[in-house]
Protein backbone atom coordinates (compact mmCIF):
# COMPACT_ATOMS: atom_id res chain seq x y z
CA MET A 1 4.12 1.68 -14.01
CA THR A 2 1.97 -1.34 -14.73
CA SER A 3 3.21 -4.92 -14.32
CA LYS A 4 2.77 -5.52 -18.04
CA ARG A 5 2.92 -3.21 -21.03
CA PRO A 6 0.97 -3.84 -24.24
CA ASN A 7 2.39 -4.19 -27.72
CA TYR A 8 2.24 -0.54 -28.74
CA ALA A 9 2.75 -1.20 -32.46
CA GLY A 10 -0.03 0.34 -34.52
CA HIS A 11 -1.63 2.08 -31.52
CA VAL A 12 -1.52 5.72 -30.55
CA VAL A 13 0.05 5.93 -27.11
CA HIS A 14 0.11 8.69 -24.53
CA ALA A 15 3.13 8.71 -22.24
CA MET A 16 4.18 10.83 -19.30
CA ASN A 17 7.37 10.84 -17.26
CA ARG A 18 8.06 12.90 -14.17
CA ARG A 19 11.05 13.74 -12.05
CA VAL A 20 11.22 11.85 -8.77
CA ASP A 21 9.46 13.54 -5.85
CA ARG A 22 7.83 15.93 -8.36
CA GLN A 23 10.84 18.24 -8.12
CA THR A 24 11.65 20.76 -10.83
CA LEU A 25 13.24 19.21 -13.91
CA PHE A 26 13.57 22.25 -16.19
CA LYS A 27 14.73 25.38 -14.38
CA ASN A 28 15.37 27.70 -17.32
CA ASP A 29 15.13 28.04 -21.10
CA GLU A 30 18.47 26.31 -21.54
CA ASP A 31 17.17 23.21 -19.75
CA TYR A 32 14.02 23.13 -21.88
CA SER A 33 15.95 23.72 -25.09
CA SER A 34 18.45 20.97 -24.31
CA PHE A 35 15.69 18.39 -23.78
CA ARG A 36 13.81 19.52 -26.88
CA SER A 37 16.92 18.99 -28.99
CA LEU A 38 17.45 15.56 -27.46
CA LEU A 39 13.82 14.70 -28.18
CA GLY A 40 14.33 15.59 -31.82
CA THR A 41 17.38 13.37 -31.96
CA ALA A 42 15.45 10.48 -30.41
CA VAL A 43 12.57 10.81 -32.88
CA GLU A 44 14.99 10.54 -35.80
CA LYS A 45 17.10 7.81 -34.19
CA PHE A 46 14.10 5.51 -33.69
CA ASP A 47 12.08 6.79 -36.65
CA LEU A 48 9.12 7.33 -34.33
CA ARG A 49 5.88 8.96 -35.46
CA LEU A 50 5.45 11.66 -32.82
CA LEU A 51 2.11 13.48 -32.84
CA GLU A 52 2.34 15.94 -29.95
CA TRP A 53 4.71 16.83 -27.12
CA VAL A 54 4.80 19.27 -24.23
CA LEU A 55 7.43 19.93 -21.58
CA MET A 56 6.34 21.07 -18.14
CA PRO A 57 8.55 22.17 -15.21
CA ASN A 58 8.71 18.71 -13.63
CA HIS A 59 7.39 16.34 -16.29
CA VAL A 60 6.86 15.70 -20.00
CA HIS A 61 3.97 14.39 -22.14
CA PHE A 62 4.04 12.68 -25.54
CA LEU A 63 1.54 11.34 -28.04
CA ALA A 64 3.18 8.85 -30.39
CA TRP A 65 2.14 6.29 -33.01
CA PRO A 66 4.79 3.54 -33.13
CA GLU A 67 4.92 1.08 -36.02
CA GLU A 68 6.95 -1.73 -34.44
CA LYS A 69 6.63 -3.71 -31.21
CA ASP A 70 9.71 -2.47 -29.34
CA GLN A 71 10.04 0.90 -31.03
CA PHE A 72 8.35 2.99 -28.36
CA PRO A 73 9.91 1.36 -25.26
CA LYS A 74 13.38 1.67 -26.81
CA PHE A 75 12.69 5.31 -27.68
CA MET A 76 11.62 6.08 -24.11
CA GLU A 77 14.51 4.17 -22.55
CA TRP A 78 17.11 5.93 -24.70
CA LEU A 79 15.61 9.42 -24.38
CA PHE A 80 15.18 9.47 -20.61
CA GLY A 81 18.29 7.44 -19.88
CA THR A 82 20.41 9.79 -21.97
CA HIS A 83 18.80 12.91 -20.52
CA ALA A 84 19.23 11.66 -16.95
CA LYS A 85 22.97 11.16 -17.51
CA ILE A 86 23.33 14.63 -19.04
CA TRP A 87 21.23 16.27 -16.33
CA ARG A 88 23.10 14.58 -13.48
CA ALA A 89 26.45 15.58 -14.93
CA GLU A 90 25.41 19.20 -15.51
CA ASN A 91 23.98 19.50 -11.99
CA ASP A 92 26.84 17.71 -10.21
CA THR A 93 24.54 15.03 -8.85
CA VAL A 94 26.00 11.91 -10.45
CA GLY A 95 25.37 8.86 -8.29
CA GLU A 96 22.32 10.26 -6.49
CA GLY A 97 19.89 7.70 -7.89
CA PRO A 98 17.17 7.83 -10.56
CA LEU A 99 16.15 11.18 -11.96
CA TYR A 100 12.78 9.99 -13.29
CA GLN A 101 9.96 8.05 -11.65
CA GLY A 102 9.57 5.81 -14.70
CA TYR A 103 7.11 6.51 -17.45
CA LYS A 104 3.39 5.80 -17.50
CA ALA A 105 1.69 5.07 -20.81
CA PHE A 106 -1.64 3.96 -22.20
CA ILE A 107 -3.01 3.20 -25.65
CA LEU A 108 -5.98 5.11 -27.01
CA SER A 109 -8.34 4.92 -29.94
CA SER A 110 -8.19 7.29 -32.90
CA GLY A 111 -10.82 9.91 -33.65
CA THR A 112 -12.54 11.72 -30.79
CA LYS A 113 -10.42 10.22 -28.01
CA LEU A 114 -7.20 11.12 -29.76
CA HIS A 115 -8.49 14.64 -30.39
CA ARG A 116 -9.27 14.90 -26.69
CA LEU A 117 -5.70 13.95 -25.76
CA ARG A 118 -4.15 16.36 -28.25
CA ASN A 119 -6.20 19.13 -26.67
CA TYR A 120 -5.24 17.91 -23.20
CA LEU A 121 -1.53 18.22 -23.96
CA ALA A 122 -1.95 21.65 -25.50
CA MET A 123 -3.88 22.90 -22.47
CA ASN A 124 -1.40 21.60 -19.89
CA PRO A 125 0.59 24.85 -19.59
CA VAL A 126 -2.66 26.81 -19.29
CA GLU A 127 -4.07 24.50 -16.60
CA GLY A 128 -0.72 24.71 -14.84
CA GLY A 129 -0.91 28.51 -14.70
CA LEU A 130 2.19 29.01 -16.84
CA VAL A 131 0.52 30.91 -19.70
CA ASN A 132 -2.91 32.24 -20.63
CA HIS A 133 -3.06 30.57 -24.05
CA PRO A 134 -1.48 27.35 -25.38
CA TRP A 135 0.36 29.12 -28.21
CA GLN A 136 2.25 31.23 -25.67
CA TRP A 137 4.10 28.19 -24.32
CA LYS A 138 7.38 27.77 -26.20
CA TRP A 139 8.04 24.22 -25.05
CA GLY A 140 5.32 22.26 -26.79
CA SER A 141 4.06 21.32 -30.23
CA ALA A 142 0.77 23.26 -29.90
CA ARG A 143 2.59 26.49 -30.77
CA ARG A 144 2.78 25.48 -34.43
CA ALA A 145 -0.97 25.94 -34.97
CA LYS A 146 -0.69 29.65 -34.17
CA TYR A 147 2.68 30.49 -35.67
CA LYS A 148 3.10 28.95 -39.12
CA HIS A 149 6.76 29.96 -39.09
CA PHE A 150 7.37 28.13 -35.80
CA THR A 151 10.05 25.50 -36.29
CA SER A 152 11.89 23.10 -34.05
CA ASP A 153 14.17 20.14 -34.46
CA ILE A 154 11.28 17.72 -33.97
CA ASN A 155 9.41 16.15 -36.87
CA LEU A 156 5.71 15.53 -36.23
CA SER A 157 3.24 13.09 -37.76
CA VAL A 158 -0.36 14.07 -38.56
CA GLY A 159 -1.50 10.82 -36.95
CA PRO A 160 -4.13 8.25 -37.95
CA LYS A 161 -7.43 9.10 -39.59
CA PRO A 162 -9.85 10.72 -39.03
CA ILE A 163 -7.78 13.90 -39.00
CA HIS A 164 -9.26 16.95 -37.31
CA GLN A 165 -9.81 19.62 -39.96
CA ASN A 166 -9.02 22.66 -37.79
CA LEU A 167 -5.79 22.25 -35.82
CA SER A 168 -5.96 25.59 -34.01
CA GLN A 169 -9.54 24.94 -32.93
CA LEU A 170 -8.59 21.45 -31.77
CA LEU A 171 -5.60 22.57 -29.71
CA TYR A 172 -6.79 25.91 -28.39
CA THR A 173 -10.44 25.36 -27.44
CA PRO A 174 -11.04 23.67 -24.07
CA TRP A 175 -13.34 20.69 -24.50
CA LEU A 176 -16.57 20.41 -22.53
CA THR A 177 -16.46 16.71 -21.67
CA SER A 178 -18.81 14.72 -19.50
CA LYS A 179 -17.93 13.68 -15.96
CA ARG A 180 -17.84 10.08 -17.13
CA ASP A 181 -15.33 10.79 -19.90
CA LYS A 182 -13.18 12.83 -17.52
CA ALA A 183 -13.23 9.90 -15.10
CA LYS A 184 -12.18 7.50 -17.86
CA LEU A 185 -9.27 9.73 -18.80
CA GLN A 186 -8.38 10.10 -15.14
CA LYS A 187 -8.21 6.33 -14.79
CA SER A 188 -6.07 5.96 -17.91
CA LEU A 189 -3.64 8.54 -16.57
CA GLU A 190 -3.43 6.86 -13.18
CA ARG A 191 -3.67 3.16 -14.07
CA GLU A 192 -2.44 3.07 -17.70
CA ALA A 193 -5.80 1.67 -18.81
CA PRO A 194 -6.79 1.86 -22.50
CA TYR A 195 -8.74 5.01 -23.39
CA GLY A 196 -11.61 4.72 -25.85
CA ASN A 197 -15.22 3.60 -26.00
CA ASP A 198 -16.18 0.64 -23.82
CA ALA A 199 -16.20 -1.96 -26.59
CA TRP A 200 -12.77 -0.90 -27.87
CA CYS A 201 -11.33 -0.86 -24.35
CA GLU A 202 -12.60 -4.35 -23.64
CA ARG A 203 -10.98 -5.66 -26.82
CA MET A 204 -7.65 -4.03 -26.00
CA ILE A 205 -7.69 -5.24 -22.40
CA GLU A 206 -8.31 -8.82 -23.50
CA LYS A 207 -5.85 -8.66 -26.42
CA HIS A 208 -2.97 -7.26 -24.38
CA GLY A 209 -3.67 -8.84 -20.99
CA LEU A 210 -4.33 -5.51 -19.27
CA GLU A 211 -6.94 -6.64 -16.76
CA HIS A 212 -4.78 -5.24 -13.93
CA THR A 213 -5.35 -1.70 -15.25
CA ILE A 214 -9.08 -1.82 -14.48
CA ARG A 215 -9.13 -4.12 -11.46
CA LYS A 216 -9.85 -2.43 -8.15
CA LEU A 217 -6.79 -2.65 -5.96
CA GLY A 218 -7.07 -5.24 -3.22
CA ARG A 219 -10.40 -6.60 -4.46
CA PRO A 220 -11.44 -9.57 -6.60
CA LYS A 221 -11.42 -9.22 -10.37
CA LYS A 222 -14.69 -7.93 -11.80
CA ASN A 223 -16.16 -7.75 -15.29
CA LEU A 224 -14.22 -5.65 -17.79
CA ASP A 225 -15.35 -2.05 -17.69
CA CYS A 226 -13.60 1.10 -18.84
CA GLY A 227 -15.79 3.31 -16.64
CA VAL A 228 -15.02 4.24 -13.05
CA CYS A 229 -17.10 5.31 -10.10
CA GLN A 230 -18.32 8.89 -10.04
CA ASN A 231 -16.36 9.86 -6.94
CA GLN A 232 -13.07 9.81 -8.85
CA LEU A 233 -10.92 12.88 -8.56
CA SER A 234 -11.26 15.51 -11.28
CA ILE A 235 -8.99 15.23 -14.31
CA LEU A 236 -5.28 15.35 -13.49
CA THR A 237 -3.49 18.63 -14.13
CA GLU A 238 -0.23 17.16 -15.29
């Protein structure tokens, strides 16, 4: 978690939360289904524009587009706080400390970068070795592009323009991205740095006071730059 979070209003935001110590969070279909229902309740309760979601065995990913300043933080606090209480009670572990590590989030630009993140969420179960194709994973929004009859208790927003014209192609075709773009996404996932082209990132960093997300740890502050060195690890398989 960064020392300061931006004003998410009007920005698309990617968020991820994981169980402490990377232990299993969802052990069976009942666990997944329970969280999915709670997610639907949270979306309606806070009137949040949710674009994509995916549940993995020990963590969850969201893409959202909040309209108000505190809308997204309140949504995240209520959802994970409520789920933690339910989970602890059902597993007889009340009083054993936090269930979640605390969410990481970063803002991103619309268009190509948003398309990249939508594809990234859809491909998570495939990269994690859970299924062969994104539409086979029951616990994510990508399934809807394959099965038109697929329904859940979660309302989704189409997101900001430009809208991708072929949803199934967007979600189901792995993107061939450059090493530099993979490194930028890697840094956003790790440091909660804005994700977009360099000029857009610089504006967002200055606007929201996010210099700490690009500053090398333990070293003096350098010029704003959304790129990272080429020896970064490959893209996270969340």
